[in-house]
């Protein structure tokens, strides 16, 4: 197995976490990878390139404002349509 293929495999197994995460994952399993090989495989990784173009894909949708005092913020959950009950 070539070093680039090994780096790509480690990168995928490390969860597309980037250069340092890939090297740490491989090192924990006794595999020595060069920084150059890891950077090359990350540059060729389709998943990482997609996330790089759309950084909002891994950001949280939003947060609910907590408020300062009790009763300051109200929230309503909408469900439905409900089935008819007799």
Protein backbone atom coordinates (compact mmCIF):
# COMPACT_ATOMS: atom_id res chain seq x y z
CA UNK A 1 0.00 0.00 0.00
CA UNK A 2 1.43 3.40 -0.96
CA UNK A 3 1.93 6.14 1.60
CA UNK A 4 -0.72 8.34 -0.03
CA UNK A 5 -3.30 5.54 0.03
CA UNK A 6 -2.40 4.83 3.65
CA UNK A 7 -2.77 8.51 4.51
CA UNK A 8 -6.16 8.65 2.76
CA UNK A 9 -7.34 5.58 4.69
CA UNK A 10 -6.18 7.08 8.00
CA UNK A 11 -7.78 10.41 7.12
CA UNK A 12 -11.16 8.76 6.48
CA UNK A 13 -10.92 6.66 9.65
CA UNK A 14 -10.02 9.78 11.67
CA UNK A 15 -13.30 11.34 10.57
CA UNK A 16 -11.95 13.96 8.14
CA UNK A 17 -10.61 15.87 11.15
CA UNK A 18 -7.72 17.55 9.38
CA UNK A 19 -3.97 17.11 9.26
CA UNK A 20 -3.22 16.94 12.98
CA UNK A 21 -6.15 14.62 13.77
CA UNK A 22 -5.14 12.25 10.97
CA UNK A 23 -1.52 12.10 12.09
CA UNK A 24 -2.56 11.59 15.74
CA UNK A 25 -5.01 8.82 14.78
CA UNK A 26 -2.36 7.03 12.73
CA UNK A 27 0.33 7.48 15.38
CA UNK A 28 -1.96 6.00 18.06
CA UNK A 29 -2.21 2.89 15.88
CA UNK A 30 1.51 2.63 15.14
CA UNK A 31 1.43 4.05 11.61
CA UNK A 32 3.96 6.74 10.72
CA UNK A 33 2.71 9.23 8.13
CA UNK A 34 4.51 12.23 6.74
CA UNK A 35 2.88 15.63 6.93
CA UNK A 36 3.30 15.99 3.16
CA UNK A 37 1.37 12.77 2.44
CA UNK A 38 -1.45 13.77 4.78
CA UNK A 39 -1.72 17.25 3.28
CA UNK A 40 -1.80 15.74 -0.21
CA UNK A 41 -4.61 13.34 0.67
CA UNK A 42 -6.63 16.11 2.37
CA UNK A 43 -6.26 18.28 -0.75
CA UNK A 44 -7.65 15.37 -2.82
CA UNK A 45 -10.45 14.41 -0.38
CA UNK A 46 -13.85 15.19 -1.93
CA UNK A 47 -15.62 15.36 1.45
CA UNK A 48 -13.16 17.87 2.87
CA UNK A 49 -13.31 20.01 -0.26
CA UNK A 50 -17.11 20.06 -0.09
CA UNK A 51 -17.03 21.16 3.56
CA UNK A 52 -14.39 23.75 2.75
CA UNK A 53 -16.63 25.31 0.08
CA UNK A 54 -19.66 25.27 2.39
CA UNK A 55 -18.43 25.98 5.92
CA UNK A 56 -21.99 26.41 7.17
CA UNK A 57 -22.58 22.64 6.79
CA UNK A 58 -20.83 21.83 10.06
CA UNK A 59 -22.05 24.84 12.04
CA UNK A 60 -25.01 24.57 14.41
CA UNK A 61 -28.33 25.76 13.04
CA UNK A 62 -28.80 28.35 15.74
CA UNK A 63 -29.30 28.80 19.42
CA UNK A 64 -32.27 29.82 21.50
CA UNK A 65 -31.80 32.97 23.48
CA UNK A 66 -31.93 32.11 27.19
CA UNK A 67 -33.02 35.44 28.63
CA UNK A 68 -31.96 37.02 31.89
CA UNK A 69 -34.98 36.61 34.16
CA UNK A 70 -37.67 33.97 34.39
CA UNK A 71 -40.51 34.29 31.91
CA UNK A 72 -38.55 36.63 29.67
CA UNK A 73 -38.40 34.19 26.76
CA UNK A 74 -41.33 32.11 25.57
CA UNK A 75 -41.14 29.19 23.20
CA UNK A 76 -43.93 27.42 21.36
CA UNK A 77 -43.62 24.00 19.77
CA UNK A 78 -45.94 23.41 16.85
CA UNK A 79 -47.14 19.91 16.08
CA UNK A 80 -49.76 18.78 13.69
CA UNK A 81 -51.97 18.23 11.96
CA UNK A 82 -53.42 16.00 14.64
CA UNK A 83 -55.71 13.15 13.71
CA UNK A 84 -59.35 13.49 14.52
CA UNK A 85 -60.37 12.14 17.92
CA UNK A 86 -63.86 10.89 18.80
